[in-house]
Amino acid sequence: MYYDKIIAPTIEDATREAKRKYGQDCFILDTKEEKVFQDGILGLFGKKKTRCILTCSVPDSYFKRQKCLDILNQKNDNLKYPEINNSNDDSKYKKVVDDVEKKSNQVNDKNFESNSDFEMRFMEKIEQIIDRKIGNQNSKSEDSDVITKNLNELREILENNEFTTLFIEELLESIRNTLSISQIENRIEVQKYAYNYLENCISKIVGSDKCLLPENEKSVMVLVGPTGIGKTTTLAKIAANVKMKEKKGVEFITMDGYRIGAREQIERYAKLIGIKCTYTDTIEELNKTILMSKESLVLIDTTGRSQQDGIKLAEMRDFLRLKTIHPDFVLGISATTKPKEVRNIFKNFSIFDYDQIIITKNDESDTIGSILSCAIEFKKKIMFCTNGQKVPSNIEKVSKSSLMQKVTGFAPEVYLENLEF
């Protein structure tokens, strides 16, 4: 670290003077304004100016150059310098400095002769190197502005899609570590990389519906999630599709005896689909109902719980510790959930050890970036998306392309390159 003090009329003038004096190696970390008087008599009648205290981070190369120039300015007639060729290779610079320092410590009035011609050539060489390095740093500063602009644009696209800050920072870090500077300077290259990065992440969270289609044994699926996300309607859609398309036997079990009309709603769906529906409110009844069921798939509708109510969630988990069979827990989450609440839902419902999720009300939200981010972070699979109230329609298996369609804001060239026919 190097500290300097510059007196100038304004902070801006002091900043320009610092840049002129130290070049792009200077980083102004702090300034302080103080009223001073200069050019007066005994400090009186002088002009009022501003004193700026600047803390500069200057690399060792600056001090090496200064030391080299100081040695030359001494014009020691007894110092003999080595010859320098006309190569533009910057590696010669370090060799020259080392040679000068070495010989400056071995000055001998009897053995060395002055060489003013070399001194002039050496000074010119140093000036060329300094000018070239300053020019390179100026161009890097301009490149940095372009890079910052492209990365900030990408950050804005991802934020508009409601991806979490953690996911965005990981993606940007991957860009910095993978792409070259020239690639990052290219706006389209940056967005193409980000789009492909998203595709790769999303392809890893596409789930399956194998748990709904058992071959030889009974399967039990328990849908858990916050209140009001449409769990009952979602189970009705699943049951109808399994029964009508897969020709499998299905049975409903409901535990929702708190919400007004909840029991009547699922019983009505069961009647329309043509399946059995049973209400249970004790662990014994639940285990007995599952054990006695003759159907290959049992769907359990649970009471909605707030993700903040840890005690109630723990009670429900204890209630669902079945003795007869290990159920498959699935988390239901609405696409309309506030982004800041999504992570809490994923985290607090992890008490159920769920592997897959179902996104409900997908048609009511333009973005699901927060859900995608958390699914990637928690390594959970997305099984279905629901897009309305109609039973048995308005539910679809997710795919990489269907999830990527919810990501918007990239340049048209990016979408065209990834268009599937």
Protein backbone atom coordinates (compact mmCIF):
# COMPACT_ATOMS: atom_id res chain seq x y z
CA MET A 1 0.00 0.00 0.00
CA TYR A 2 1.14 3.54 -0.78
CA TYR A 3 -0.32 6.69 0.71
CA ASP A 4 -0.24 10.10 -0.87
CA LYS A 5 -1.77 13.52 -0.32
CA ILE A 6 -2.85 15.73 -3.18
CA ILE A 7 -4.07 19.31 -2.82
CA ALA A 8 -6.43 20.51 -5.51
CA PRO A 9 -9.44 22.84 -5.85
CA THR A 10 -11.90 19.94 -5.96
CA ILE A 11 -12.04 16.20 -5.39
CA GLU A 12 -12.46 15.68 -9.14
CA ASP A 13 -9.26 17.61 -9.83
CA ALA A 14 -7.43 15.59 -7.20
CA THR A 15 -8.69 12.35 -8.73
CA ARG A 16 -7.48 13.37 -12.18
CA GLU A 17 -4.09 14.33 -10.75
CA ALA A 18 -3.80 10.96 -8.99
CA LYS A 19 -4.63 9.08 -12.21
CA ARG A 20 -2.14 11.20 -14.12
CA LYS A 21 0.55 10.65 -11.52
CA TYR A 22 0.09 6.92 -10.91
CA GLY A 23 -1.86 5.78 -13.98
CA GLN A 24 -4.39 2.98 -13.84
CA ASP A 25 -2.45 1.33 -10.99
CA CYS A 26 -3.95 3.92 -8.65
CA PHE A 27 -7.08 3.04 -6.69
CA ILE A 28 -8.56 5.87 -4.64
CA LEU A 29 -9.96 4.31 -1.50
CA ASP A 30 -10.67 7.38 0.59
CA THR A 31 -10.82 11.16 0.31
CA LYS A 32 -11.03 13.88 2.91
CA GLU A 33 -11.85 17.51 2.36
CA GLU A 34 -9.99 20.08 4.46
CA LYS A 35 -9.82 23.84 4.01
CA VAL A 36 -6.22 24.95 3.38
CA PHE A 37 -4.61 28.23 2.32
CA GLN A 38 -1.75 28.37 -0.13
CA ASP A 39 0.24 31.01 -1.97
CA GLY A 40 -0.36 33.60 0.78
CA ILE A 41 1.89 35.37 3.24
CA LEU A 42 2.47 33.21 6.32
CA GLY A 43 -0.64 31.31 5.40
CA LEU A 44 -2.74 34.45 5.15
CA PHE A 45 -4.60 35.83 2.18
CA GLY A 46 -4.10 32.61 0.28
CA LYS A 47 -6.63 30.86 -1.95
CA LYS A 48 -8.99 28.40 -0.33
CA LYS A 49 -8.43 24.88 -1.66
CA THR A 50 -9.29 21.30 -0.78
CA ARG A 51 -6.85 18.75 0.59
CA CYS A 52 -7.62 15.19 -0.54
CA ILE A 53 -6.08 12.30 1.32
CA LEU A 54 -5.78 9.41 -1.13
CA THR A 55 -4.97 5.84 -0.28
CA CYS A 56 -3.51 4.20 -3.35
CA SER A 57 -2.77 0.59 -4.06
CA VAL A 58 0.31 0.73 -6.29
CA PRO A 59 2.02 -2.49 -7.44
CA ASP A 60 5.71 -3.16 -6.95
CA SER A 61 6.28 -2.49 -10.66
CA TYR A 62 5.72 1.22 -10.01
CA PHE A 63 8.41 1.38 -7.37
CA LYS A 64 10.79 -0.65 -9.53
CA ARG A 65 10.33 1.84 -12.36
CA GLN A 66 10.86 4.73 -9.95
CA LYS A 67 14.00 3.16 -8.55
CA CYS A 68 15.30 2.54 -12.05
CA LEU A 69 14.65 6.15 -13.05
CA ASP A 70 16.25 7.42 -9.85
CA ILE A 71 19.39 5.45 -10.62
CA LEU A 72 19.53 6.95 -14.08
CA ASN A 73 18.89 10.48 -12.84
CA GLN A 74 21.94 10.26 -10.59
CA LYS A 75 24.05 10.20 -13.77
CA ASN A 76 26.79 8.27 -12.11
CA ASP A 77 29.76 8.50 -14.49
CA ASN A 78 31.31 5.50 -12.84
CA LEU A 79 28.37 3.15 -13.64
CA LYS A 80 28.53 1.06 -16.76
CA TYR A 81 25.21 -0.31 -18.02
CA PRO A 82 24.60 -3.37 -20.18
CA GLU A 83 23.37 -3.01 -23.73
CA ILE A 84 19.66 -3.45 -24.54
CA ASN A 85 18.38 -4.82 -27.79
CA ASN A 86 15.33 -3.42 -29.60
CA SER A 87 13.01 -6.28 -28.67
CA ASN A 88 9.47 -5.35 -27.60
CA ASP A 89 9.23 -8.31 -25.30
CA ASP A 90 8.03 -7.11 -21.88
CA SER A 91 10.02 -9.87 -20.22
CA LYS A 92 13.17 -7.83 -20.99
CA TYR A 93 11.88 -5.15 -18.66
CA LYS A 94 12.33 -7.27 -15.56
CA LYS A 95 15.79 -8.37 -16.70
CA VAL A 96 16.87 -4.77 -17.26
CA VAL A 97 15.65 -3.71 -13.83
CA ASP A 98 17.39 -6.64 -12.16
CA ASP A 99 20.63 -5.89 -14.02
CA VAL A 100 20.53 -2.23 -13.08
CA GLU A 101 19.88 -3.02 -9.42
CA LYS A 102 22.65 -5.58 -9.40
CA LYS A 103 25.22 -3.29 -10.93
CA SER A 104 24.12 -0.34 -8.84
CA ASN A 105 25.23 -2.36 -5.82
CA GLN A 106 28.58 -3.09 -7.44
CA VAL A 107 29.66 0.42 -8.33
CA ASN A 108 33.43 0.72 -8.57
CA ASP A 109 35.05 3.97 -9.64
CA LYS A 110 38.00 2.11 -11.12
CA ASN A 111 36.15 -0.55 -13.16
CA PHE A 112 33.17 1.26 -14.74
CA GLU A 113 32.90 4.00 -17.31
CA SER A 114 29.94 6.28 -18.10
CA ASN A 115 27.74 5.57 -21.08
CA SER A 116 25.39 8.48 -21.83
CA ASP A 117 24.20 6.90 -25.11
CA PHE A 118 22.95 3.85 -23.28
CA GLU A 119 21.26 6.04 -20.69
CA MET A 120 19.18 7.73 -23.40
CA ARG A 121 18.23 4.42 -25.03
CA PHE A 122 17.39 2.95 -21.64
CA MET A 123 15.13 5.89 -20.79
CA GLU A 124 13.35 5.56 -24.12
CA LYS A 125 12.86 1.84 -23.53
CA ILE A 126 11.40 2.44 -20.07
CA GLU A 127 9.02 5.08 -21.44
CA GLN A 128 7.83 2.73 -24.22
CA ILE A 129 7.12 -0.04 -21.72
CA ILE A 130 5.28 2.31 -19.38
CA ASP A 131 3.20 3.77 -22.24
CA ARG A 132 2.34 0.30 -23.52
CA LYS A 133 1.31 -0.96 -20.08
CA ILE A 134 -0.83 2.10 -19.40
CA GLY A 135 -2.46 1.65 -22.81
CA ASN A 136 -3.20 -2.00 -22.06
CA GLN A 137 -4.72 -1.11 -18.70
CA ASN A 138 -6.88 1.58 -20.30
CA SER A 139 -8.18 -0.94 -22.83
CA LYS A 140 -8.82 -3.42 -20.00
CA SER A 141 -10.79 -0.74 -18.20
CA GLU A 142 -12.94 -0.25 -21.29
CA ASP A 143 -13.35 -4.02 -21.67
CA SER A 144 -14.38 -4.19 -18.04
CA ASP A 145 -17.20 -1.73 -18.72
CA VAL A 146 -18.49 -3.93 -21.56
CA ILE A 147 -18.23 -7.06 -19.44
CA THR A 148 -20.01 -5.38 -16.55
CA LYS A 149 -22.80 -4.23 -18.86
CA ASN A 150 -23.36 -7.71 -20.30
CA LEU A 151 -23.31 -9.43 -16.90
CA ASN A 152 -25.62 -6.82 -15.40
CA GLU A 153 -28.06 -7.32 -18.26
CA LEU A 154 -28.04 -11.07 -17.65
CA ARG A 155 -28.50 -10.51 -13.92
CA GLU A 156 -31.56 -8.36 -14.64
CA ILE A 157 -33.05 -11.05 -16.91
CA LEU A 158 -32.65 -13.69 -14.20
CA GLU A 159 -34.02 -11.38 -11.49
CA ASN A 160 -37.07 -10.62 -13.66
CA ASN A 161 -37.62 -14.39 -13.85
CA GLU A 162 -37.40 -14.45 -10.02
CA PHE A 163 -34.38 -16.74 -9.78
CA THR A 164 -32.80 -16.64 -6.34
CA THR A 165 -29.71 -14.55 -5.63
CA LEU A 166 -27.74 -17.68 -4.79
CA PHE A 167 -28.50 -19.27 -8.15
CA ILE A 168 -27.74 -16.05 -10.06
CA GLU A 169 -24.36 -15.62 -8.39
CA GLU A 170 -23.42 -19.24 -9.10
CA LEU A 171 -24.31 -18.81 -12.77
CA LEU A 172 -22.34 -15.56 -13.09
CA GLU A 173 -19.35 -17.15 -11.36
CA SER A 174 -19.53 -20.04 -13.82
CA ILE A 175 -19.46 -17.56 -16.71
CA ARG A 176 -16.39 -15.79 -15.33
CA ASN A 177 -14.56 -19.08 -14.81
CA THR A 178 -15.51 -20.67 -18.14
CA LEU A 179 -15.74 -18.00 -20.85
CA SER A 180 -12.84 -15.96 -22.14
CA ILE A 181 -12.81 -12.17 -21.88
CA SER A 182 -13.62 -11.81 -25.57
CA GLN A 183 -16.60 -14.14 -25.18
CA ILE A 184 -17.94 -12.25 -22.17
CA GLU A 185 -17.64 -9.04 -24.18
CA ASN A 186 -20.09 -10.61 -26.62
CA ARG A 187 -23.62 -10.10 -25.30
CA ILE A 188 -25.09 -13.04 -27.25
CA GLU A 189 -22.32 -15.42 -26.16
CA VAL A 190 -23.03 -14.59 -22.52
CA GLN A 191 -26.77 -15.19 -22.90
CA LYS A 192 -26.25 -18.40 -24.87
CA TYR A 193 -24.04 -19.77 -22.12
CA ALA A 194 -26.58 -18.79 -19.47
CA TYR A 195 -29.45 -20.38 -21.43
CA ASN A 196 -27.51 -23.64 -21.86
CA TYR A 197 -26.54 -23.54 -18.17
CA LEU A 198 -30.22 -23.26 -17.26
CA GLU A 199 -31.17 -26.08 -19.60
CA ASN A 200 -28.56 -28.35 -18.06
CA CYS A 201 -29.73 -27.54 -14.51
CA ILE A 202 -33.41 -27.94 -15.37
CA SER A 203 -32.85 -31.26 -17.15
CA LYS A 204 -31.65 -32.64 -13.79
CA ILE A 205 -34.88 -31.73 -11.96
CA VAL A 206 -37.39 -33.23 -14.38
CA GLY A 207 -39.23 -35.94 -12.45
CA SER A 208 -41.30 -38.98 -13.39
CA ASP A 209 -44.64 -40.49 -12.42
CA LYS A 210 -43.34 -44.01 -11.77
CA CYS A 211 -44.52 -43.87 -8.16
CA LEU A 212 -48.10 -43.63 -9.47
CA LEU A 213 -47.83 -46.72 -11.66
CA PRO A 214 -46.77 -49.68 -9.52
CA GLU A 215 -46.45 -53.02 -11.27
CA ASN A 216 -46.83 -55.65 -8.59
CA GLU A 217 -47.21 -53.85 -5.27
CA LYS A 218 -49.41 -51.19 -3.73
CA SER A 219 -48.24 -47.58 -3.93
CA VAL A 220 -49.17 -44.78 -1.53
CA MET A 221 -48.66 -41.13 -2.45
CA VAL A 222 -49.09 -38.37 0.15
CA LEU A 223 -49.50 -34.81 -1.13
CA VAL A 224 -48.36 -32.19 1.40
CA GLY A 225 -48.07 -28.45 1.13
CA PRO A 226 -49.29 -25.05 2.32
CA THR A 227 -52.96 -24.13 2.58
CA GLY A 228 -54.81 -23.03 -0.53
CA ILE A 229 -52.51 -24.34 -3.25
CA GLY A 230 -55.11 -26.71 -4.75
CA LYS A 231 -54.00 -30.08 -3.35
CA THR A 232 -57.45 -31.68 -3.51
CA THR A 233 -58.08 -30.68 -7.14
CA THR A 234 -54.58 -31.83 -8.08
CA LEU A 235 -55.15 -35.28 -6.56
CA ALA A 236 -58.44 -35.54 -8.42
CA LYS A 237 -56.66 -34.87 -11.72
CA ILE A 238 -54.01 -37.49 -10.95
CA ALA A 239 -56.61 -40.07 -9.93
CA ALA A 240 -58.72 -39.50 -13.03
CA ASN A 241 -55.76 -39.82 -15.40
CA VAL A 242 -54.40 -42.96 -13.71
CA LYS A 243 -57.81 -44.65 -13.75
CA MET A 244 -58.88 -43.65 -17.28
CA LYS A 245 -55.57 -43.69 -19.15
CA GLU A 246 -53.49 -46.25 -17.23
CA LYS A 247 -56.47 -48.43 -16.22
CA LYS A 248 -55.19 -48.72 -12.66
CA GLY A 249 -57.27 -48.97 -9.51
CA VAL A 250 -57.20 -45.82 -7.34
CA GLU A 251 -58.54 -44.95 -3.89
CA PHE A 252 -58.78 -41.64 -2.01
CA ILE A 253 -58.02 -41.14 1.67
CA THR A 254 -58.61 -37.69 3.08
CA MET A 255 -57.34 -36.31 6.38
CA ASP A 256 -58.71 -32.81 5.82
CA GLY A 257 -61.50 -32.49 8.31
CA TYR A 258 -60.75 -28.90 9.28
CA ARG A 259 -61.36 -26.92 6.13
CA ILE A 260 -65.05 -26.25 5.49
CA GLY A 261 -66.31 -28.31 2.57
CA ALA A 262 -62.99 -30.07 2.02
CA ARG A 263 -64.34 -33.54 2.75
CA GLU A 264 -67.43 -32.98 0.61
CA GLN A 265 -65.26 -31.71 -2.28
CA ILE A 266 -63.01 -34.77 -2.48
CA GLU A 267 -65.95 -37.13 -2.01
CA ARG A 268 -67.67 -35.44 -4.95
CA TYR A 269 -64.58 -35.87 -7.10
CA ALA A 270 -64.35 -39.53 -6.08
CA LYS A 271 -67.94 -40.10 -7.11
CA LEU A 272 -67.45 -38.47 -10.51
CA ILE A 273 -64.29 -40.50 -11.18
CA GLY A 274 -65.84 -43.69 -9.83
CA ILE A 275 -63.41 -44.48 -7.03
CA LYS A 276 -63.66 -45.06 -3.28
CA CYS A 277 -63.00 -42.24 -0.79
CA THR A 278 -62.39 -42.74 2.95
CA TYR A 279 -61.98 -40.18 5.73
CA THR A 280 -59.60 -40.96 8.63
CA ASP A 281 -58.55 -38.92 11.64
CA THR A 282 -56.45 -41.43 13.63
CA ILE A 283 -53.24 -43.30 12.93
CA GLU A 284 -54.95 -46.64 13.50
CA GLU A 285 -57.72 -45.91 10.99
CA LEU A 286 -55.21 -44.69 8.40
CA ASN A 287 -53.04 -47.81 8.65
CA LYS A 288 -56.10 -50.08 8.59
CA THR A 289 -57.61 -48.35 5.54
CA ILE A 290 -54.36 -48.63 3.56
CA LEU A 291 -53.89 -52.28 4.57
CA MET A 292 -57.42 -53.22 3.53
CA SER A 293 -57.40 -51.29 0.26
CA LYS A 294 -57.52 -53.52 -2.81
CA GLU A 295 -56.43 -50.78 -5.22
CA SER A 296 -52.92 -50.46 -6.59
CA LEU A 297 -52.68 -46.73 -5.88
CA VAL A 298 -53.77 -44.91 -2.72
CA LEU A 299 -53.74 -41.10 -2.79
CA ILE A 300 -53.76 -39.29 0.57
CA ASP A 301 -55.03 -35.71 0.81
CA THR A 302 -53.59 -33.91 3.84
CA THR A 303 -54.64 -30.83 5.74
CA GLY A 304 -52.90 -27.69 4.50
CA ARG A 305 -50.27 -26.38 6.90
CA SER A 306 -48.30 -23.17 6.98
CA GLN A 307 -44.60 -23.58 6.38
CA GLN A 308 -44.07 -21.46 9.51
CA ASP A 309 -45.98 -23.87 11.77
CA GLY A 310 -43.21 -26.30 12.61
CA ILE A 311 -45.11 -28.00 15.45
CA LYS A 312 -48.11 -28.84 13.26
CA LEU A 313 -45.85 -30.11 10.49
CA ALA A 314 -44.05 -32.40 12.95
CA GLU A 315 -47.39 -33.70 14.26
CA MET A 316 -48.53 -34.47 10.72
CA ARG A 317 -45.26 -36.25 9.97
CA ASP A 318 -45.68 -38.46 13.05
CA PHE A 319 -49.27 -39.16 12.01
CA LEU A 320 -48.08 -40.33 8.59
CA ARG A 321 -45.44 -42.75 9.87
CA LEU A 322 -47.23 -45.72 8.38
CA LYS A 323 -46.55 -49.21 9.65
CA THR A 324 -47.89 -51.01 6.60
CA ILE A 325 -45.98 -49.30 3.78
CA HIS A 326 -43.52 -46.51 3.14
CA PRO A 327 -45.41 -43.72 1.34
CA ASP A 328 -44.03 -41.43 -1.37
CA PHE A 329 -44.29 -37.84 -0.15
CA VAL A 330 -44.81 -35.16 -2.79
CA LEU A 331 -44.72 -31.42 -2.09
CA GLY A 332 -47.34 -29.22 -3.70
CA ILE A 333 -46.39 -25.57 -4.23
CA SER A 334 -48.24 -22.82 -6.06
CA ALA A 335 -46.57 -20.88 -8.88
CA THR A 336 -48.09 -17.75 -7.34
CA THR A 337 -46.12 -18.14 -4.09
CA LYS A 338 -44.03 -15.10 -3.22
CA PRO A 339 -40.37 -15.70 -4.16
CA LYS A 340 -39.12 -14.95 -0.64
CA GLU A 341 -41.43 -17.64 0.80
CA VAL A 342 -40.54 -20.42 -1.66
CA ARG A 343 -37.28 -21.39 0.00
CA ASN A 344 -38.93 -21.59 3.43
CA ILE A 345 -41.55 -23.96 2.02
CA PHE A 346 -38.89 -26.22 0.50
CA LYS A 347 -36.87 -26.17 3.71
CA ASN A 348 -39.59 -26.55 6.34
CA PHE A 349 -41.53 -29.28 4.50
CA SER A 350 -38.30 -31.28 4.15
CA ILE A 351 -39.40 -32.93 7.42
CA PHE A 352 -41.47 -35.21 5.17
CA ASP A 353 -38.40 -36.30 3.20
CA TYR A 354 -40.11 -35.66 -0.12
CA ASP A 355 -38.32 -36.30 -3.41
CA GLN A 356 -40.67 -34.70 -5.93
CA ILE A 357 -42.86 -31.63 -6.23
CA ILE A 358 -45.95 -30.58 -8.14
CA ILE A 359 -46.31 -26.97 -9.26
CA THR A 360 -49.95 -25.86 -9.05
CA LYS A 361 -51.61 -22.78 -10.60
CA ASN A 362 -48.89 -22.61 -13.22
CA ASP A 363 -51.25 -20.69 -15.50
CA GLU A 364 -51.63 -17.89 -12.95
CA SER A 365 -47.97 -16.85 -12.91
CA ASP A 366 -45.60 -15.77 -15.68
CA THR A 367 -42.46 -16.78 -13.78
CA ILE A 368 -41.42 -19.76 -11.66
CA GLY A 369 -37.71 -18.97 -11.33
CA SER A 370 -37.77 -19.10 -7.54
CA ILE A 371 -39.26 -22.61 -7.60
CA LEU A 372 -36.77 -23.78 -10.23
CA SER A 373 -33.88 -22.30 -8.21
CA CYS A 374 -34.94 -24.08 -5.02
CA ALA A 375 -35.59 -27.36 -6.81
CA ILE A 376 -32.03 -27.17 -8.16
CA GLU A 377 -30.61 -26.19 -4.76
CA PHE A 378 -32.49 -28.87 -2.78
CA LYS A 379 -32.13 -31.49 -5.57
CA LYS A 380 -35.87 -32.11 -5.90
CA LYS A 381 -37.66 -33.34 -9.02
CA ILE A 382 -40.68 -31.64 -10.59
CA MET A 383 -43.36 -34.18 -11.47
CA PHE A 384 -46.38 -32.23 -12.76
CA CYS A 385 -47.63 -28.73 -13.44
CA THR A 386 -51.33 -27.90 -13.18
CA ASN A 387 -52.80 -25.19 -15.39
CA GLY A 388 -56.42 -24.75 -14.36
CA GLN A 389 -59.40 -26.25 -12.50
CA LYS A 390 -60.65 -28.75 -15.08
CA VAL A 391 -60.58 -32.44 -14.11
CA PRO A 392 -59.01 -34.62 -15.51
CA SER A 393 -57.34 -32.15 -17.88
CA ASN A 394 -55.24 -29.10 -16.95
CA ILE A 395 -52.37 -31.22 -15.66
CA GLU A 396 -49.24 -32.19 -17.56
CA LYS A 397 -46.00 -34.01 -17.00
CA VAL A 398 -43.14 -31.54 -17.01
CA SER A 399 -40.26 -31.65 -19.45
CA LYS A 400 -37.13 -29.60 -19.95
CA SER A 401 -38.74 -27.66 -22.80
CA SER A 402 -41.98 -26.96 -20.91
CA LEU A 403 -40.05 -25.53 -17.96
CA MET A 404 -37.70 -23.53 -20.18
CA GLN A 405 -40.72 -21.91 -21.83
CA LYS A 406 -41.37 -20.12 -18.53
CA VAL A 407 -37.94 -18.43 -18.74
CA THR A 408 -38.21 -15.19 -20.71
CA GLY A 409 -36.13 -12.12 -21.51
CA PHE A 410 -33.20 -13.56 -23.46
CA ALA A 411 -32.20 -12.17 -26.85
CA PRO A 412 -34.21 -13.59 -29.82
CA GLU A 413 -31.03 -15.17 -31.24
CA VAL A 414 -30.74 -17.33 -28.14
CA TYR A 415 -34.28 -18.68 -28.45
CA LEU A 416 -33.94 -19.29 -32.19
CA GLU A 417 -30.78 -21.32 -31.69
CA ASN A 418 -32.55 -23.50 -29.11
CA LEU A 419 -35.86 -23.77 -30.98
CA GLU A 420 -37.19 -27.33 -31.24
CA PHE A 421 -39.38 -28.47 -34.12
